[in-house]
Amino acid sequence: MKTLNPYLNFAGNCEEALNFYQQCFNGKIETMKSFSEAGMDVPENWKDKICHAEFRVEDIYFMASDGMDPTPIKPNNAVTLSINFTDLNEQETIFNALAEGGNIIMPLKDTFWNARFGMLADKFGVNWMFNCDL
């Protein structure tokens, strides 16, 4: 089986979002290229926006961009990124970090499937689920 890698689109604040995720997860921005660095033909005010970026921490990997169209991205509930943890403290730390400025949909709590689980939408409109088996 091939892998499926999420590609997140932001409307002009991709770099800010990736720096936020880098802090929350203690992860690494592996690649970050602006439209001008990629030689893309975009409006002058979009040249410093992010054409392509890659983020990684342990087995979590996703790509991101400001997109080709500088119109606002509408947050939706069609996609949610789900993270499985092995450490309750790490789960709580990252949950609280991502919740800052966002919206907690379901606080972390023990569930009927013998896990601690929670959901939130971060300040960039990205939906997250957190699961840690007890």
Protein backbone atom coordinates (compact mmCIF):
# COMPACT_ATOMS: atom_id res chain seq x y z
CA MET A 1 0.00 0.00 0.00
CA LYS A 2 1.15 3.52 -0.76
CA THR A 3 1.04 6.26 1.86
CA LEU A 4 -1.53 9.03 2.15
CA ASN A 5 -0.08 12.41 3.11
CA PRO A 6 -2.32 15.32 4.13
CA TYR A 7 -1.78 18.59 2.26
CA LEU A 8 -3.05 21.60 4.21
CA ASN A 9 -3.90 24.87 2.48
CA PHE A 10 -3.79 28.20 4.28
CA ALA A 11 -4.83 31.59 2.90
CA GLY A 12 -1.70 33.61 3.44
CA ASN A 13 -0.64 32.43 6.90
CA CYS A 14 1.00 29.09 6.13
CA GLU A 15 4.36 30.14 7.57
CA GLU A 16 2.70 31.33 10.78
CA ALA A 17 0.74 28.07 11.05
CA LEU A 18 3.83 25.89 10.52
CA ASN A 19 5.80 27.86 13.11
CA PHE A 20 2.89 27.33 15.52
CA TYR A 21 2.83 23.57 14.81
CA GLN A 22 6.61 23.43 15.19
CA GLN A 23 6.23 24.84 18.71
CA CYS A 24 3.24 22.69 19.65
CA PHE A 25 4.74 19.41 18.46
CA ASN A 26 8.43 20.24 18.86
CA GLY A 27 8.62 19.20 15.22
CA LYS A 28 10.60 20.34 12.20
CA ILE A 29 9.73 22.30 9.09
CA GLU A 30 11.74 20.28 6.57
CA THR A 31 10.99 22.42 3.51
CA MET A 32 9.51 25.87 3.06
CA LYS A 33 9.65 27.60 -0.34
CA SER A 34 7.95 30.82 -1.30
CA PHE A 35 6.33 31.36 -4.67
CA SER A 36 9.23 33.62 -5.71
CA GLU A 37 11.77 30.94 -4.73
CA ALA A 38 9.81 28.45 -6.84
CA GLY A 39 9.74 30.84 -9.80
CA MET A 40 5.92 30.85 -9.86
CA ASP A 41 4.03 33.61 -11.64
CA VAL A 42 1.83 35.10 -8.90
CA PRO A 43 0.73 38.64 -7.97
CA GLU A 44 3.46 40.75 -6.37
CA ASN A 45 1.82 40.66 -2.94
CA TRP A 46 1.76 36.83 -3.05
CA LYS A 47 5.43 36.24 -4.02
CA ASP A 48 6.59 35.79 -0.39
CA LYS A 49 3.73 33.44 0.47
CA ILE A 50 4.45 29.73 0.79
CA CYS A 51 4.23 27.66 -2.38
CA HIS A 52 5.20 24.36 -0.71
CA ALA A 53 6.26 23.24 2.76
CA GLU A 54 6.79 19.95 4.55
CA PHE A 55 6.43 19.30 8.29
CA ARG A 56 7.52 16.26 10.29
CA VAL A 57 7.64 15.03 13.87
CA GLU A 58 8.20 11.32 14.48
CA ASP A 59 5.65 9.48 12.28
CA ILE A 60 3.53 12.60 11.68
CA TYR A 61 4.09 14.15 8.25
CA PHE A 62 2.11 16.64 6.22
CA MET A 63 2.64 19.17 3.47
CA ALA A 64 1.25 22.70 3.34
CA SER A 65 0.89 25.79 1.16
CA ASP A 66 -0.76 29.17 1.02
CA GLY A 67 -2.48 27.88 -2.12
CA MET A 68 -2.52 29.40 -5.56
CA ASP A 69 -5.53 31.63 -4.91
CA PRO A 70 -5.29 34.32 -2.21
CA THR A 71 -9.00 34.04 -1.38
CA PRO A 72 -9.88 33.00 2.18
CA ILE A 73 -9.92 29.32 3.00
CA LYS A 74 -13.18 28.29 4.62
CA PRO A 75 -12.66 25.93 7.56
CA ASN A 76 -14.74 22.82 7.13
CA ASN A 77 -15.44 19.58 8.88
CA ALA A 78 -14.73 17.27 5.94
CA VAL A 79 -11.19 16.40 7.09
CA THR A 80 -9.81 15.84 10.58
CA LEU A 81 -6.21 14.96 11.42
CA SER A 82 -6.10 12.17 14.02
CA ILE A 83 -3.04 11.58 16.21
CA ASN A 84 -2.49 8.43 18.25
CA PHE A 85 -0.34 8.94 21.34
CA THR A 86 1.42 6.49 23.63
CA ASP A 87 1.97 9.00 26.45
CA LEU A 88 -0.88 10.80 28.26
CA ASN A 89 1.33 13.73 29.31
CA GLU A 90 2.48 14.32 25.74
CA GLN A 91 -1.13 14.10 24.54
CA GLU A 92 -2.27 16.71 27.06
CA THR A 93 0.66 19.04 26.35
CA ILE A 94 0.08 19.04 22.58
CA PHE A 95 -3.71 19.23 22.96
CA ASN A 96 -3.40 22.32 25.17
CA ALA A 97 -0.85 23.94 22.84
CA LEU A 98 -3.01 23.44 19.74
CA ALA A 99 -6.13 24.59 21.61
CA GLU A 100 -4.62 28.02 22.27
CA GLY A 101 -6.62 30.47 20.20
CA GLY A 102 -8.72 27.63 18.82
CA ASN A 103 -11.93 25.87 19.78
CA ILE A 104 -12.10 22.76 21.96
CA ILE A 105 -14.82 20.55 20.52
CA MET A 106 -14.40 17.75 23.08
CA PRO A 107 -12.05 18.04 26.06
CA LEU A 108 -9.68 15.17 26.72
CA LYS A 109 -11.53 12.47 28.65
CA ASP A 110 -11.57 8.73 29.17
CA THR A 111 -13.80 6.85 26.73
CA PHE A 112 -15.67 3.56 26.43
CA TRP A 113 -12.94 2.21 24.09
CA ASN A 114 -10.40 2.46 26.92
CA ALA A 115 -8.60 5.52 25.65
CA ARG A 116 -8.29 9.18 26.50
CA PHE A 117 -9.74 11.13 23.59
CA GLY A 118 -10.39 14.76 22.65
CA MET A 119 -11.09 16.96 19.63
CA LEU A 120 -10.42 20.57 18.69
CA ALA A 121 -10.17 23.02 15.84
CA ASP A 122 -6.97 25.06 16.05
CA LYS A 123 -6.74 28.80 15.42
CA PHE A 124 -6.12 28.12 11.72
CA GLY A 125 -9.34 26.11 11.34
CA VAL A 126 -7.61 22.70 11.17
CA ASN A 127 -9.56 19.92 12.91
CA TRP A 128 -7.65 17.53 15.18
CA MET A 129 -8.48 14.33 17.11
CA PHE A 130 -6.27 13.02 19.94
CA ASN A 131 -6.34 9.38 21.05
CA CYS A 132 -4.20 7.67 23.69
CA ASP A 133 -4.91 4.08 24.72
CA LEU A 134 -5.08 3.64 28.48
